[in-house]
Amino acid sequence: MREFIFSTRELVEYNEHGVGLENLLENIYEISFTIDQTGLDLAKEAIKECGMSYQEWSVIEDLVR
């Protein structure tokens, strides 16, 4: 998880917010990382802020436990 966060932070520092978020979401989904409702709400907000479609990322709801 640290590697995912480091990689995302690095992309954000280079103004690649959307790419960083996409990579993070893909990575946590691949490893079935569990998130809570607050995490999902934050992800939804970040997706919206990056101008991405939540519908494309709604699969992350599967990670909520």
Protein backbone atom coordinates (compact mmCIF):
# COMPACT_ATOMS: atom_id res chain seq x y z
CA MET A 1 0.00 0.00 0.00
CA ARG A 2 2.90 2.34 0.73
CA GLU A 3 4.15 1.94 -2.83
CA PHE A 4 0.71 2.85 -4.19
CA ILE A 5 0.55 5.95 -2.01
CA PHE A 6 4.11 7.00 -2.89
CA SER A 7 3.45 6.57 -6.61
CA THR A 8 0.18 8.51 -6.37
CA ARG A 9 1.79 11.32 -4.38
CA GLU A 10 4.56 11.57 -6.95
CA LEU A 11 2.06 11.89 -9.82
CA VAL A 12 0.07 14.51 -7.92
CA GLU A 13 3.23 16.53 -7.36
CA TYR A 14 3.64 16.62 -11.15
CA ASN A 15 0.03 17.79 -11.57
CA GLU A 16 -1.10 14.38 -12.82
CA HIS A 17 -4.00 14.19 -10.36
CA GLY A 18 -6.30 12.13 -12.57
CA VAL A 19 -3.60 9.65 -13.53
CA GLY A 20 -2.56 9.29 -9.91
CA LEU A 21 -6.13 8.67 -8.79
CA GLU A 22 -6.77 6.18 -11.60
CA ASN A 23 -3.62 4.25 -10.70
CA LEU A 24 -4.49 4.22 -7.01
CA LEU A 25 -8.05 3.04 -7.65
CA GLU A 26 -6.89 0.33 -10.05
CA ASN A 27 -4.26 -0.89 -7.61
CA ILE A 28 -6.52 -1.07 -4.57
CA TYR A 29 -9.18 -2.81 -6.63
CA GLU A 30 -6.67 -5.38 -7.94
CA ILE A 31 -5.63 -6.38 -4.44
CA SER A 32 -9.20 -6.17 -3.06
CA PHE A 33 -8.17 -3.60 -0.48
CA THR A 34 -11.04 -3.05 1.95
CA ILE A 35 -12.36 0.49 2.43
CA ASP A 36 -15.13 1.88 4.59
CA GLN A 37 -17.96 4.19 3.61
CA THR A 38 -15.86 7.24 4.43
CA GLY A 39 -13.15 6.00 2.07
CA LEU A 40 -15.73 5.47 -0.66
CA ASP A 41 -17.13 8.96 -0.13
CA LEU A 42 -13.64 10.45 -0.38
CA ALA A 43 -12.97 8.46 -3.55
CA LYS A 44 -16.22 9.72 -5.07
CA GLU A 45 -15.27 13.30 -4.25
CA ALA A 46 -11.78 12.87 -5.72
CA ILE A 47 -13.20 11.28 -8.87
CA LYS A 48 -15.56 14.22 -9.29
CA GLU A 49 -12.78 16.77 -8.64
CA CYS A 50 -10.61 15.12 -11.30
CA GLY A 51 -13.43 15.36 -13.83
CA MET A 52 -13.74 11.60 -14.09
CA SER A 53 -16.97 9.65 -14.39
CA TYR A 54 -17.97 7.86 -11.20
CA GLN A 55 -19.98 5.41 -13.27
CA GLU A 56 -16.71 4.10 -14.73
CA TRP A 57 -15.32 3.59 -11.22
CA SER A 58 -18.42 2.36 -9.42
CA VAL A 59 -16.76 -1.07 -9.11
CA ILE A 60 -14.89 0.31 -6.11
CA GLU A 61 -18.14 -0.06 -4.19
CA ASP A 62 -17.22 -3.77 -4.10
CA LEU A 63 -14.38 -2.86 -1.72
CA VAL A 64 -16.63 -1.42 0.98
CA ARG A 65 -16.87 -3.65 4.03
